[in-house]
Amino acid sequence: MQLILKESINLSKKNDDDNFGKTISLDTTFQEKNITYPTDDKLYKKIITKTISIAANAGIVLHQTYGKELKKLSQLQRFKKRKNGYKLARKANKKKLLQAGL
């Protein structure tokens, strides 16, 4: 990006010496953006991990944290577009909902 900016400044110097530095316009709409959307799976996972951390900070000893099960349920929801995957993903979603306490 710095190289592109330097080159655009140099080009504007060569083309218009008397108006240099007043305005520079760059188009950065081509850049990729790292956006992930808050799906139900991500939100439930966030709720469960946050409640586990709150319990740890409060000094509450939990009998189960569902760490391994949470990982398996996330994998089931990941493959929901495959054959019989939607049914398994729906069941995994219900289990996560119960674990989150909602």
N, C-alpha and C. Protein backbone atom coordinates (compact mmCIF):
# COMPACT_ATOMS: atom_id res chain seq x y z
N MET A 1 0.83 -1.19 0.00
CA MET A 1 0.00 0.00 0.00
C MET A 1 0.87 1.26 0.00
N GLN A 2 1.97 1.21 0.75
CA GLN A 2 2.85 2.38 0.80
C GLN A 2 3.47 2.66 -0.56
N LEU A 3 3.82 1.60 -1.26
CA LEU A 3 4.42 1.76 -2.58
C LEU A 3 3.41 2.37 -3.55
N ILE A 4 2.18 1.93 -3.48
CA ILE A 4 1.13 2.49 -4.35
C ILE A 4 0.90 3.96 -4.04
N LEU A 5 0.90 4.31 -2.75
CA LEU A 5 0.72 5.70 -2.35
C LEU A 5 1.88 6.57 -2.85
N LYS A 6 3.12 6.07 -2.71
CA LYS A 6 4.28 6.84 -3.18
C LYS A 6 4.22 7.07 -4.68
N GLU A 7 3.85 6.02 -5.42
CA GLU A 7 3.77 6.15 -6.87
C GLU A 7 2.68 7.12 -7.29
N SER A 8 1.55 7.09 -6.62
CA SER A 8 0.47 8.01 -6.98
C SER A 8 0.85 9.45 -6.67
N ILE A 9 1.61 9.67 -5.58
CA ILE A 9 2.08 11.02 -5.26
C ILE A 9 3.09 11.49 -6.30
N ASN A 10 3.99 10.60 -6.69
CA ASN A 10 4.98 10.96 -7.72
C ASN A 10 4.31 11.29 -9.05
N LEU A 11 3.28 10.53 -9.42
CA LEU A 11 2.56 10.82 -10.66
C LEU A 11 1.84 12.16 -10.60
N SER A 12 1.28 12.47 -9.45
CA SER A 12 0.58 13.74 -9.33
C SER A 12 1.56 14.91 -9.33
N LYS A 13 2.79 14.70 -8.84
CA LYS A 13 3.82 15.74 -8.90
C LYS A 13 4.18 16.06 -10.34
N LYS A 14 4.35 15.00 -11.13
CA LYS A 14 4.76 15.19 -12.52
C LYS A 14 3.67 15.85 -13.35
N ASN A 15 2.42 15.50 -13.09
CA ASN A 15 1.32 16.00 -13.91
C ASN A 15 0.91 17.43 -13.55
N ASP A 16 0.99 17.78 -12.28
CA ASP A 16 0.41 19.05 -11.86
C ASP A 16 1.27 19.66 -10.75
N ASP A 17 2.36 20.32 -11.12
CA ASP A 17 3.30 20.84 -10.13
C ASP A 17 2.72 21.98 -9.30
N ASP A 18 1.90 22.84 -9.88
CA ASP A 18 1.42 24.01 -9.14
C ASP A 18 0.28 23.66 -8.17
N ASN A 19 -0.46 22.59 -8.38
CA ASN A 19 -1.55 22.20 -7.49
C ASN A 19 -1.19 21.02 -6.59
N PHE A 20 0.11 20.70 -6.47
CA PHE A 20 0.52 19.52 -5.70
C PHE A 20 0.24 19.70 -4.21
N GLY A 21 -0.27 18.66 -3.59
CA GLY A 21 -0.49 18.66 -2.15
C GLY A 21 -1.85 19.15 -1.73
N LYS A 22 -2.64 19.69 -2.62
CA LYS A 22 -3.95 20.19 -2.23
C LYS A 22 -4.97 19.05 -2.07
N THR A 23 -5.05 18.19 -3.05
CA THR A 23 -5.98 17.05 -2.95
C THR A 23 -5.36 15.82 -3.58
N ILE A 24 -5.60 14.70 -2.94
CA ILE A 24 -5.21 13.39 -3.49
C ILE A 24 -6.40 12.48 -3.29
N SER A 25 -6.82 11.83 -4.34
CA SER A 25 -7.93 10.89 -4.21
C SER A 25 -7.46 9.50 -4.62
N LEU A 26 -7.73 8.54 -3.73
CA LEU A 26 -7.36 7.15 -3.96
C LEU A 26 -8.60 6.29 -3.86
N ASP A 27 -8.63 5.25 -4.66
CA ASP A 27 -9.73 4.30 -4.62
C ASP A 27 -9.25 3.03 -3.93
N THR A 28 -9.79 2.73 -2.76
CA THR A 28 -9.37 1.54 -2.02
C THR A 28 -10.50 0.52 -1.91
N THR A 29 -11.46 0.59 -2.79
CA THR A 29 -12.60 -0.32 -2.69
C THR A 29 -12.25 -1.74 -3.14
N PHE A 30 -11.12 -1.92 -3.78
CA PHE A 30 -10.74 -3.24 -4.25
C PHE A 30 -10.15 -4.10 -3.15
N GLN A 31 -9.84 -3.54 -1.99
CA GLN A 31 -9.21 -4.30 -0.92
C GLN A 31 -10.19 -5.30 -0.31
N GLU A 32 -9.66 -6.47 0.00
CA GLU A 32 -10.49 -7.48 0.64
C GLU A 32 -10.67 -7.14 2.11
N LYS A 33 -11.81 -7.51 2.63
CA LYS A 33 -12.09 -7.24 4.03
C LYS A 33 -12.30 -8.56 4.76
N ASN A 34 -11.81 -8.63 5.97
CA ASN A 34 -11.90 -9.84 6.77
C ASN A 34 -13.12 -9.73 7.68
N ILE A 35 -14.29 -10.05 7.15
CA ILE A 35 -15.53 -9.92 7.89
C ILE A 35 -16.13 -11.30 8.10
N THR A 36 -16.46 -11.61 9.34
CA THR A 36 -17.22 -12.82 9.63
C THR A 36 -18.53 -12.40 10.26
N TYR A 37 -19.57 -13.08 9.93
CA TYR A 37 -20.89 -12.71 10.39
C TYR A 37 -21.26 -13.50 11.65
N PRO A 38 -21.98 -12.89 12.57
CA PRO A 38 -22.30 -13.56 13.84
C PRO A 38 -23.42 -14.59 13.68
N THR A 39 -23.04 -15.81 13.35
CA THR A 39 -24.03 -16.88 13.22
C THR A 39 -24.43 -17.38 14.61
N ASP A 40 -25.48 -18.17 14.66
CA ASP A 40 -25.94 -18.72 15.94
C ASP A 40 -24.85 -19.56 16.60
N ASP A 41 -24.15 -20.34 15.79
CA ASP A 41 -23.09 -21.20 16.31
C ASP A 41 -22.02 -20.38 17.02
N LYS A 42 -21.58 -19.30 16.38
CA LYS A 42 -20.54 -18.47 16.98
C LYS A 42 -21.04 -17.79 18.26
N LEU A 43 -22.28 -17.33 18.23
CA LEU A 43 -22.81 -16.64 19.40
C LEU A 43 -22.98 -17.60 20.59
N TYR A 44 -23.47 -18.81 20.34
CA TYR A 44 -23.61 -19.78 21.43
C TYR A 44 -22.25 -20.16 22.01
N LYS A 45 -21.27 -20.34 21.11
CA LYS A 45 -19.93 -20.68 21.55
C LYS A 45 -19.34 -19.56 22.42
N LYS A 46 -19.61 -18.32 22.01
CA LYS A 46 -19.12 -17.17 22.76
C LYS A 46 -19.78 -17.10 24.14
N ILE A 47 -21.07 -17.39 24.21
CA ILE A 47 -21.78 -17.36 25.49
C ILE A 47 -21.22 -18.42 26.43
N ILE A 48 -21.01 -19.62 25.92
CA ILE A 48 -20.52 -20.72 26.76
C ILE A 48 -19.11 -20.43 27.27
N THR A 49 -18.22 -19.96 26.39
CA THR A 49 -16.85 -19.68 26.83
C THR A 49 -16.82 -18.50 27.80
N LYS A 50 -17.69 -17.53 27.60
CA LYS A 50 -17.72 -16.37 28.50
C LYS A 50 -18.22 -16.78 29.89
N THR A 51 -19.24 -17.64 29.95
CA THR A 51 -19.74 -18.08 31.26
C THR A 51 -18.70 -18.95 31.98
N ILE A 52 -17.94 -19.73 31.24
CA ILE A 52 -16.88 -20.53 31.85
C ILE A 52 -15.81 -19.62 32.44
N SER A 53 -15.45 -18.56 31.70
CA SER A 53 -14.44 -17.63 32.22
C SER A 53 -14.96 -16.85 33.42
N ILE A 54 -16.24 -16.50 33.43
CA ILE A 54 -16.83 -15.80 34.57
C ILE A 54 -16.81 -16.69 35.81
N ALA A 55 -17.14 -17.98 35.62
CA ALA A 55 -17.11 -18.92 36.73
C ALA A 55 -15.70 -19.11 37.26
N ALA A 56 -14.72 -19.14 36.37
CA ALA A 56 -13.33 -19.29 36.80
C ALA A 56 -12.86 -18.07 37.59
N ASN A 57 -13.25 -16.88 37.14
CA ASN A 57 -12.87 -15.65 37.85
C ASN A 57 -13.54 -15.55 39.21
N ALA A 58 -14.74 -16.10 39.33
CA ALA A 58 -15.46 -16.05 40.60
C ALA A 58 -15.02 -17.15 41.55
N GLY A 59 -14.19 -18.06 41.08
CA GLY A 59 -13.69 -19.14 41.92
C GLY A 59 -14.63 -20.32 42.03
N ILE A 60 -15.58 -20.41 41.11
CA ILE A 60 -16.53 -21.53 41.11
C ILE A 60 -15.91 -22.69 40.34
N VAL A 61 -15.88 -23.85 40.96
CA VAL A 61 -15.34 -25.04 40.31
C VAL A 61 -16.48 -25.74 39.58
N LEU A 62 -16.32 -25.88 38.26
CA LEU A 62 -17.35 -26.51 37.45
C LEU A 62 -17.07 -28.00 37.33
N HIS A 63 -18.14 -28.79 37.37
CA HIS A 63 -17.99 -30.24 37.20
C HIS A 63 -17.64 -30.57 35.76
N GLN A 64 -18.30 -29.88 34.81
CA GLN A 64 -18.03 -30.08 33.38
C GLN A 64 -17.96 -28.72 32.71
N THR A 65 -17.05 -28.60 31.75
CA THR A 65 -16.97 -27.36 30.97
C THR A 65 -17.43 -27.55 29.53
N TYR A 66 -17.65 -28.78 29.11
CA TYR A 66 -18.14 -29.12 27.77
C TYR A 66 -17.19 -28.64 26.67
N GLY A 67 -15.89 -28.60 26.93
CA GLY A 67 -14.93 -28.14 25.95
C GLY A 67 -14.85 -29.03 24.73
N LYS A 68 -14.70 -30.33 24.94
CA LYS A 68 -14.60 -31.26 23.81
C LYS A 68 -15.93 -31.38 23.07
N GLU A 69 -17.02 -31.40 23.84
CA GLU A 69 -18.32 -31.52 23.20
C GLU A 69 -18.64 -30.28 22.38
N LEU A 70 -18.23 -29.13 22.85
CA LEU A 70 -18.45 -27.89 22.11
C LEU A 70 -17.72 -27.91 20.78
N LYS A 71 -16.52 -28.46 20.78
CA LYS A 71 -15.74 -28.56 19.54
C LYS A 71 -16.41 -29.51 18.55
N LYS A 72 -16.92 -30.65 19.04
CA LYS A 72 -17.60 -31.61 18.17
C LYS A 72 -18.88 -31.02 17.59
N LEU A 73 -19.63 -30.30 18.42
CA LEU A 73 -20.88 -29.70 17.95
C LEU A 73 -20.61 -28.63 16.90
N SER A 74 -19.54 -27.90 17.04
CA SER A 74 -19.18 -26.89 16.04
C SER A 74 -18.83 -27.55 14.71
N GLN A 75 -18.16 -28.69 14.78
CA GLN A 75 -17.83 -29.40 13.54
C GLN A 75 -19.08 -29.95 12.87
N LEU A 76 -20.04 -30.40 13.65
CA LEU A 76 -21.28 -30.89 13.06
C LEU A 76 -22.03 -29.76 12.36
N GLN A 77 -22.02 -28.59 12.93
CA GLN A 77 -22.71 -27.47 12.31
C GLN A 77 -21.98 -26.97 11.06
N ARG A 78 -20.71 -27.24 10.99
CA ARG A 78 -19.92 -26.79 9.85
C ARG A 78 -20.30 -27.55 8.58
N PHE A 79 -20.71 -28.80 8.72
CA PHE A 79 -21.02 -29.62 7.56
C PHE A 79 -22.52 -29.76 7.32
N LYS A 80 -23.27 -28.70 7.54
CA LYS A 80 -24.72 -28.79 7.42
C LYS A 80 -25.22 -28.85 5.98
N LYS A 81 -24.38 -28.57 5.01
CA LYS A 81 -24.83 -28.62 3.62
C LYS A 81 -24.63 -29.98 2.98
N ARG A 82 -24.08 -30.92 3.71
CA ARG A 82 -23.88 -32.26 3.18
C ARG A 82 -25.12 -33.11 3.40
N LYS A 83 -25.06 -34.32 2.87
CA LYS A 83 -26.18 -35.24 3.02
C LYS A 83 -26.39 -35.55 4.50
N ASN A 84 -27.59 -35.43 4.98
CA ASN A 84 -27.98 -35.62 6.37
C ASN A 84 -27.29 -34.65 7.32
N GLY A 85 -26.60 -33.69 6.79
CA GLY A 85 -25.87 -32.75 7.62
C GLY A 85 -26.78 -31.74 8.29
N TYR A 86 -27.87 -31.37 7.61
CA TYR A 86 -28.77 -30.37 8.17
C TYR A 86 -29.43 -30.89 9.44
N LYS A 87 -29.80 -32.15 9.42
CA LYS A 87 -30.44 -32.77 10.58
C LYS A 87 -29.47 -32.81 11.77
N LEU A 88 -28.24 -33.21 11.50
CA LEU A 88 -27.23 -33.26 12.56
C LEU A 88 -26.89 -31.86 13.06
N ALA A 89 -26.85 -30.89 12.16
CA ALA A 89 -26.54 -29.51 12.56
C ALA A 89 -27.66 -28.95 13.43
N ARG A 90 -28.89 -29.29 13.11
CA ARG A 90 -30.03 -28.81 13.91
C ARG A 90 -29.98 -29.39 15.31
N LYS A 91 -29.65 -30.68 15.41
CA LYS A 91 -29.52 -31.31 16.73
C LYS A 91 -28.36 -30.70 17.52
N ALA A 92 -27.26 -30.43 16.84
CA ALA A 92 -26.10 -29.81 17.50
C ALA A 92 -26.45 -28.41 17.98
N ASN A 93 -27.24 -27.70 17.19
CA ASN A 93 -27.65 -26.36 17.56
C ASN A 93 -28.51 -26.40 18.83
N LYS A 94 -29.40 -27.39 18.93
CA LYS A 94 -30.24 -27.53 20.13
C LYS A 94 -29.40 -27.85 21.36
N LYS A 95 -28.39 -28.71 21.19
CA LYS A 95 -27.52 -29.06 22.32
C LYS A 95 -26.73 -27.85 22.80
N LYS A 96 -26.23 -27.06 21.84
CA LYS A 96 -25.49 -25.86 22.21
C LYS A 96 -26.39 -24.87 22.93
N LEU A 97 -27.61 -24.79 22.48
CA LEU A 97 -28.58 -23.87 23.09
C LEU A 97 -28.83 -24.27 24.53
N LEU A 98 -28.92 -25.57 24.78
CA LEU A 98 -29.12 -26.06 26.14
C LEU A 98 -27.88 -25.80 27.00
N GLN A 99 -26.69 -25.99 26.43
CA GLN A 99 -25.47 -25.75 27.18
C GLN A 99 -25.30 -24.27 27.53
N ALA A 100 -25.75 -23.42 26.62
CA ALA A 100 -25.64 -21.97 26.86
C ALA A 100 -26.64 -21.51 27.91
N GLY A 101 -27.63 -22.34 28.18
CA GLY A 101 -28.62 -21.98 29.19
C GLY A 101 -29.69 -21.05 28.68
N LEU A 102 -29.92 -21.05 27.38
CA LEU A 102 -30.94 -20.16 26.80
C LEU A 102 -32.23 -20.90 26.53
